[in-house]
């Protein structure tokens, strides 16, 4: 197994990220607002506080990536 091949695939995925992020801007905004709202002041973000919003963002990324491959 070639180590350079792993890095090539990783770079390709990172290059695609801005395009995928742009397709999921609404979901990213909702998730970001949830995180910001739950961490006001000195509050810490706790696991699963924004799970619903995160899952929506994750689903959007997954679907956008699948469309990109086709």
Foldseek 3Di string as FASTA:
>chain_A
DDPVVVVVVVVVVVVCVVVLCVQLVVLVVVLVVQCCVQCPDPHDDDPPSSVVSVVVSVVSSVVVVVVVVD
